[in-house]
Amino acid sequence: MTEKLLRYPIEQYAYYVSDIEAACAQWAELFGAGPFFMDKPFVPPSGEFVETYRGQRSEPHLSYAWGQCGPDHHIQLIEQHDDTPSIYRDMFARDENGLHHIAICLDDVPAEKARFESLGFPSVTEIHVSGNLMVAYVDVRSAIGCFVELYTENPNSRRNFNIWRDAHEDWDGKTDLIRATDW
């Protein structure tokens, strides 16, 4: 391959975990990560939100936690509570843990998705909001061992990234490790 696989900075490292609360505590203890903002269970935003897995509508039962690890590393923890086919079950059983994907933010997800597909890395899961492709997970496990999430740059997500980073900078490392999301 002569073309670089990643052309944008990595914004996030996402890990599949078997127990999301325990994982938050472990990340805080081992790496000083946190605080974590959790959606448990994750409820898709109201409106026209459609997730597909391998071309079929998909609604796995998930929980997410987002936090910061140092000034530059945005962390996402993911737990799937059922066995619905998903990109998480493609890699991990319920009791396993590990790096699942890295995320990049960009303006044109459909174009980058097409570029990855032309390089032999198909999109496996997609999230459409109001008919627009907002997120695509491309399967690059054969090259780097995980998925790549292509995420549409938008003001709401950038606001959340900044909130989580600022909370980390102001955090004492112990108080209110797990917090509710506010969206």
C-alpha atoms as a PDB file:
ATOM      1  CA  MET A   1       0.000   0.000   0.000  1.00  0.00           C
ATOM      2  CA  THR A   2       1.515   3.330  -1.019  1.00  0.00           C
ATOM      3  CA  GLU A   3      -1.233   5.540   0.379  1.00  0.00           C
ATOM      4  CA  LYS A   4      -1.247   6.287   4.109  1.00  0.00           C
ATOM      5  CA  LEU A   5      -4.086   4.547   5.893  1.00  0.00           C
ATOM      6  CA  LEU A   6      -4.772   7.361   8.392  1.00  0.00           C
ATOM      7  CA  ARG A   7      -4.733  10.909   7.091  1.00  0.00           C
ATOM      8  CA  TYR A   8      -6.228  12.592  10.169  1.00  0.00           C
ATOM      9  CA  PRO A   9      -5.119  12.755  13.812  1.00  0.00           C
ATOM     10  CA  ILE A  10      -6.428  10.083  16.173  1.00  0.00           C
ATOM     11  CA  GLU A  11      -9.035  11.742  18.412  1.00  0.00           C
ATOM     12  CA  GLN A  12      -9.972   8.784  20.584  1.00  0.00           C
ATOM     13  CA  TYR A  13      -8.950   5.316  21.734  1.00  0.00           C
ATOM     14  CA  ALA A  14     -11.937   3.057  22.423  1.00  0.00           C
ATOM     15  CA  TYR A  15     -11.815  -0.112  24.502  1.00  0.00           C
ATOM     16  CA  TYR A  16     -14.344  -2.893  24.847  1.00  0.00           C
ATOM     17  CA  VAL A  17     -14.760  -3.834  28.526  1.00  0.00           C
ATOM     18  CA  SER A  18     -16.707  -6.531  30.337  1.00  0.00           C
ATOM     19  CA  ASP A  19     -17.649  -4.327  33.325  1.00  0.00           C
ATOM     20  CA  ILE A  20     -17.786  -0.620  32.567  1.00  0.00           C
ATOM     21  CA  GLU A  21     -17.793   0.667  36.159  1.00  0.00           C
ATOM     22  CA  ALA A  22     -14.840  -1.556  37.103  1.00  0.00           C
ATOM     23  CA  ALA A  23     -13.010  -0.450  33.951  1.00  0.00           C
ATOM     24  CA  CYS A  24     -13.492   3.231  34.872  1.00  0.00           C
ATOM     25  CA  ALA A  25     -11.986   2.538  38.312  1.00  0.00           C
ATOM     26  CA  GLN A  26      -9.106   0.572  36.792  1.00  0.00           C
ATOM     27  CA  TRP A  27      -8.288   3.292  34.250  1.00  0.00           C
ATOM     28  CA  ALA A  28      -8.341   5.907  37.023  1.00  0.00           C
ATOM     29  CA  GLU A  29      -6.076   3.834  39.264  1.00  0.00           C
ATOM     30  CA  LEU A  30      -3.595   2.692  36.615  1.00  0.00           C
ATOM     31  CA  PHE A  31      -3.417   5.747  34.361  1.00  0.00           C
ATOM     32  CA  GLY A  32      -5.036   8.667  36.186  1.00  0.00           C
ATOM     33  CA  ALA A  33      -7.809   8.718  33.582  1.00  0.00           C
ATOM     34  CA  GLY A  34     -11.121  10.311  34.380  1.00  0.00           C
ATOM     35  CA  PRO A  35     -13.546  11.433  35.388  1.00  0.00           C
ATOM     36  CA  PHE A  36     -15.771   9.358  33.136  1.00  0.00           C
ATOM     37  CA  PHE A  37     -19.079  10.540  31.708  1.00  0.00           C
ATOM     38  CA  MET A  38     -21.356   7.535  31.322  1.00  0.00           C
ATOM     39  CA  ASP A  39     -24.416   6.626  29.290  1.00  0.00           C
ATOM     40  CA  LYS A  40     -25.717   3.446  30.941  1.00  0.00           C
ATOM     41  CA  PRO A  41     -27.637   2.255  29.165  1.00  0.00           C
ATOM     42  CA  PHE A  42     -27.026   4.201  25.994  1.00  0.00           C
ATOM     43  CA  VAL A  43     -30.260   5.566  24.576  1.00  0.00           C
ATOM     44  CA  PRO A  44     -29.917   6.819  20.992  1.00  0.00           C
ATOM     45  CA  PRO A  45     -30.709  10.509  20.589  1.00  0.00           C
ATOM     46  CA  SER A  46     -34.223  11.408  19.627  1.00  0.00           C
ATOM     47  CA  GLY A  47     -34.829  12.026  15.985  1.00  0.00           C
ATOM     48  CA  GLU A  48     -33.852  10.073  12.957  1.00  0.00           C
ATOM     49  CA  PHE A  49     -31.004   7.880  14.293  1.00  0.00           C
ATOM     50  CA  VAL A  50     -30.406   4.627  12.411  1.00  0.00           C
ATOM     51  CA  GLU A  51     -27.539   2.231  13.126  1.00  0.00           C
ATOM     52  CA  THR A  52     -26.744  -0.606  10.757  1.00  0.00           C
ATOM     53  CA  TYR A  53     -24.420  -3.564  11.134  1.00  0.00           C
ATOM     54  CA  ARG A  54     -23.391  -5.297   7.908  1.00  0.00           C
ATOM     55  CA  GLY A  55     -26.308  -3.652   6.097  1.00  0.00           C
ATOM     56  CA  GLN A  56     -29.024  -4.599   8.615  1.00  0.00           C
ATOM     57  CA  ARG A  57     -30.568  -2.353  11.256  1.00  0.00           C
ATOM     58  CA  SER A  58     -28.905  -3.023  14.608  1.00  0.00           C
ATOM     59  CA  GLU A  59     -29.767  -2.083  18.181  1.00  0.00           C
ATOM     60  CA  PRO A  60     -27.302  -3.745  20.566  1.00  0.00           C
ATOM     61  CA  HIS A  61     -27.756  -2.960  24.273  1.00  0.00           C
ATOM     62  CA  LEU A  62     -24.704  -0.817  25.075  1.00  0.00           C
ATOM     63  CA  SER A  63     -23.206   1.383  27.748  1.00  0.00           C
ATOM     64  CA  TYR A  64     -20.537   3.990  27.045  1.00  0.00           C
ATOM     65  CA  ALA A  65     -18.162   5.958  29.248  1.00  0.00           C
ATOM     66  CA  TRP A  66     -15.980   8.802  27.988  1.00  0.00           C
ATOM     67  CA  GLY A  67     -13.024  10.363  29.733  1.00  0.00           C
ATOM     68  CA  GLN A  68      -9.608  11.854  29.346  1.00  0.00           C
ATOM     69  CA  CYS A  69      -6.219  10.318  30.085  1.00  0.00           C
ATOM     70  CA  GLY A  70      -3.680  13.112  30.303  1.00  0.00           C
ATOM     71  CA  PRO A  71      -3.949  16.215  28.145  1.00  0.00           C
ATOM     72  CA  ASP A  72      -3.992  14.450  24.784  1.00  0.00           C
ATOM     73  CA  HIS A  73      -5.764  11.100  25.060  1.00  0.00           C
ATOM     74  CA  HIS A  74      -9.522  10.847  24.831  1.00  0.00           C
ATOM     75  CA  ILE A  75     -10.740   7.424  26.040  1.00  0.00           C
ATOM     76  CA  GLN A  76     -14.032   5.645  25.387  1.00  0.00           C
ATOM     77  CA  LEU A  77     -15.076   2.498  27.254  1.00  0.00           C
ATOM     78  CA  ILE A  78     -17.831   0.296  25.777  1.00  0.00           C
ATOM     79  CA  GLU A  79     -19.776  -2.576  27.301  1.00  0.00           C
ATOM     80  CA  GLN A  80     -22.322  -4.607  25.333  1.00  0.00           C
ATOM     81  CA  HIS A  81     -24.932  -6.243  27.573  1.00  0.00           C
ATOM     82  CA  ASP A  82     -26.427  -8.678  25.053  1.00  0.00           C
ATOM     83  CA  ASP A  83     -25.295 -10.894  22.209  1.00  0.00           C
ATOM     84  CA  THR A  84     -26.843  -8.946  19.340  1.00  0.00           C
ATOM     85  CA  PRO A  85     -24.479  -9.163  16.345  1.00  0.00           C
ATOM     86  CA  SER A  86     -22.301  -6.046  16.348  1.00  0.00           C
ATOM     87  CA  ILE A  87     -18.814  -4.770  15.687  1.00  0.00           C
ATOM     88  CA  TYR A  88     -18.122  -5.351  19.378  1.00  0.00           C
ATOM     89  CA  ARG A  89     -19.127  -9.019  19.189  1.00  0.00           C
ATOM     90  CA  ASP A  90     -16.970  -9.296  16.029  1.00  0.00           C
ATOM     91  CA  MET A  91     -13.968  -8.916  18.332  1.00  0.00           C
ATOM     92  CA  PHE A  92     -14.944  -9.712  21.909  1.00  0.00           C
ATOM     93  CA  ALA A  93     -17.087 -12.073  23.953  1.00  0.00           C
ATOM     94  CA  ARG A  94     -18.907 -10.596  26.971  1.00  0.00           C
ATOM     95  CA  ASP A  95     -16.093 -11.395  29.415  1.00  0.00           C
ATOM     96  CA  GLU A  96     -13.210 -10.094  27.285  1.00  0.00           C
ATOM     97  CA  ASN A  97     -11.496  -6.687  27.177  1.00  0.00           C
ATOM     98  CA  GLY A  98      -9.293  -4.872  24.696  1.00  0.00           C
ATOM     99  CA  LEU A  99      -8.687  -2.087  22.187  1.00  0.00           C
ATOM    100  CA  HIS A 100     -11.651  -1.999  19.833  1.00  0.00           C
ATOM    101  CA  HIS A 101     -11.182   1.077  17.651  1.00  0.00           C
ATOM    102  CA  ILE A 102      -9.480   4.382  17.156  1.00  0.00           C
ATOM    103  CA  ALA A 103     -11.525   7.372  16.049  1.00  0.00           C
ATOM    104  CA  ILE A 104     -10.794  10.222  13.708  1.00  0.00           C
ATOM    105  CA  CYS A 105     -12.969  13.285  13.133  1.00  0.00           C
ATOM    106  CA  LEU A 106     -13.378  14.701   9.659  1.00  0.00           C
ATOM    107  CA  ASP A 107     -15.783  16.711   7.551  1.00  0.00           C
ATOM    108  CA  ASP A 108     -16.646  14.185   4.824  1.00  0.00           C
ATOM    109  CA  VAL A 109     -17.288  10.695   6.235  1.00  0.00           C
ATOM    110  CA  PRO A 110     -18.784   9.314   2.979  1.00  0.00           C
ATOM    111  CA  ALA A 111     -15.679  10.277   0.984  1.00  0.00           C
ATOM    112  CA  GLU A 112     -13.270   8.822   3.558  1.00  0.00           C
ATOM    113  CA  LYS A 113     -15.404   5.671   3.825  1.00  0.00           C
ATOM    114  CA  ALA A 114     -15.145   5.286   0.036  1.00  0.00           C
ATOM    115  CA  ARG A 115     -11.358   5.788   0.208  1.00  0.00           C
ATOM    116  CA  PHE A 116     -11.014   3.069   2.865  1.00  0.00           C
ATOM    117  CA  GLU A 117     -13.210   0.742   0.797  1.00  0.00           C
ATOM    118  CA  SER A 118     -11.011   1.363  -2.260  1.00  0.00           C
ATOM    119  CA  LEU A 119      -8.045   0.249  -0.126  1.00  0.00           C
ATOM    120  CA  GLY A 120      -9.854  -2.994   0.762  1.00  0.00           C
ATOM    121  CA  PHE A 121     -11.243  -1.998   4.164  1.00  0.00           C
ATOM    122  CA  PRO A 122     -15.050  -2.127   4.197  1.00  0.00           C
ATOM    123  CA  SER A 123     -17.440  -0.212   6.394  1.00  0.00           C
ATOM    124  CA  VAL A 124     -19.137  -2.637   8.800  1.00  0.00           C
ATOM    125  CA  THR A 125     -21.298  -0.396  10.983  1.00  0.00           C
ATOM    126  CA  GLU A 126     -22.807   2.948  10.066  1.00  0.00           C
ATOM    127  CA  ILE A 127     -24.849   5.520  11.937  1.00  0.00           C
ATOM    128  CA  HIS A 128     -27.117   7.809   9.978  1.00  0.00           C
ATOM    129  CA  VAL A 129     -28.741  10.840  11.593  1.00  0.00           C
ATOM    130  CA  SER A 130     -31.578  12.454   9.669  1.00  0.00           C
ATOM    131  CA  GLY A 131     -30.495  10.470   6.616  1.00  0.00           C
ATOM    132  CA  ASN A 132     -26.880  11.705   6.672  1.00  0.00           C
ATOM    133  CA  LEU A 133     -23.960   9.330   7.230  1.00  0.00           C
ATOM    134  CA  MET A 134     -22.400  10.596  10.469  1.00  0.00           C
ATOM    135  CA  VAL A 135     -20.281   7.644  11.601  1.00  0.00           C
ATOM    136  CA  ALA A 136     -18.724   4.688   9.811  1.00  0.00           C
ATOM    137  CA  TYR A 137     -16.650   1.945  11.391  1.00  0.00           C
ATOM    138  CA  VAL A 138     -14.222   0.494   8.862  1.00  0.00           C
ATOM    139  CA  ASP A 139     -12.667  -2.901   9.382  1.00  0.00           C
ATOM    140  CA  VAL A 140      -8.903  -2.464   9.309  1.00  0.00           C
ATOM    141  CA  ARG A 141      -8.186  -5.291  11.749  1.00  0.00           C
ATOM    142  CA  SER A 142      -6.041  -7.096   9.176  1.00  0.00           C
ATOM    143  CA  ALA A 143      -3.726  -4.060   9.030  1.00  0.00           C
ATOM    144  CA  ILE A 144      -3.729  -2.598  12.564  1.00  0.00           C
ATOM    145  CA  GLY A 145      -5.712  -5.000  14.758  1.00  0.00           C
ATOM    146  CA  CYS A 146      -8.768  -2.837  15.370  1.00  0.00           C
ATOM    147  CA  PHE A 147     -11.528  -0.849  13.673  1.00  0.00           C
ATOM    148  CA  VAL A 148     -11.282   2.812  12.660  1.00  0.00           C
ATOM    149  CA  GLU A 149     -14.245   5.022  13.454  1.00  0.00           C
ATOM    150  CA  LEU A 150     -14.800   7.810  10.943  1.00  0.00           C
ATOM    151  CA  TYR A 151     -16.716  10.478  12.845  1.00  0.00           C
ATOM    152  CA  THR A 152     -18.260  13.632  11.415  1.00  0.00           C
ATOM    153  CA  GLU A 153     -16.684  16.726  12.937  1.00  0.00           C
ATOM    154  CA  ASN A 154     -19.462  18.701  14.602  1.00  0.00           C
ATOM    155  CA  PRO A 155     -19.837  21.389  17.277  1.00  0.00           C
ATOM    156  CA  ASN A 156     -21.679  19.153  19.778  1.00  0.00           C
ATOM    157  CA  SER A 157     -19.014  16.465  19.827  1.00  0.00           C
ATOM    158  CA  ARG A 158     -16.203  19.010  19.958  1.00  0.00           C
ATOM    159  CA  ARG A 159     -17.992  20.679  22.916  1.00  0.00           C
ATOM    160  CA  ASN A 160     -18.172  17.318  24.714  1.00  0.00           C
ATOM    161  CA  PHE A 161     -14.485  16.576  24.051  1.00  0.00           C
ATOM    162  CA  ASN A 162     -13.630  19.957  25.572  1.00  0.00           C
ATOM    163  CA  ILE A 163     -15.902  19.398  28.596  1.00  0.00           C
ATOM    164  CA  TRP A 164     -14.290  16.021  29.275  1.00  0.00           C
ATOM    165  CA  ARG A 165     -10.758  17.412  28.897  1.00  0.00           C
ATOM    166  CA  ASP A 166     -11.545  20.385  31.162  1.00  0.00           C
ATOM    167  CA  ALA A 167     -13.134  18.078  33.763  1.00  0.00           C
ATOM    168  CA  HIS A 168      -9.968  15.959  33.719  1.00  0.00           C
ATOM    169  CA  GLU A 169      -7.744  18.996  34.220  1.00  0.00           C
ATOM    170  CA  ASP A 170      -9.861  20.166  37.195  1.00  0.00           C
ATOM    171  CA  TRP A 171     -10.337  16.705  38.716  1.00  0.00           C
ATOM    172  CA  ASP A 172      -8.716  15.606  41.993  1.00  0.00           C
ATOM    173  CA  GLY A 173      -8.392  12.004  40.771  1.00  0.00           C
ATOM    174  CA  LYS A 174     -10.973  10.617  43.187  1.00  0.00           C
ATOM    175  CA  THR A 175     -14.176  12.628  43.524  1.00  0.00           C
ATOM    176  CA  ASP A 176     -17.118  11.710  41.313  1.00  0.00           C
ATOM    177  CA  LEU A 177     -15.238   9.243  39.134  1.00  0.00           C
ATOM    178  CA  ILE A 178     -18.400   8.351  37.187  1.00  0.00           C
ATOM    179  CA  ARG A 179     -20.738  11.141  36.135  1.00  0.00           C
ATOM    180  CA  ALA A 180     -23.897  11.193  34.044  1.00  0.00           C
ATOM    181  CA  THR A 181     -23.817  12.653  30.559  1.00  0.00           C
ATOM    182  CA  ASP A 182     -25.840  15.818  30.152  1.00  0.00           C
ATOM    183  CA  TRP A 183     -27.127  15.652  26.618  1.00  0.00           C
END
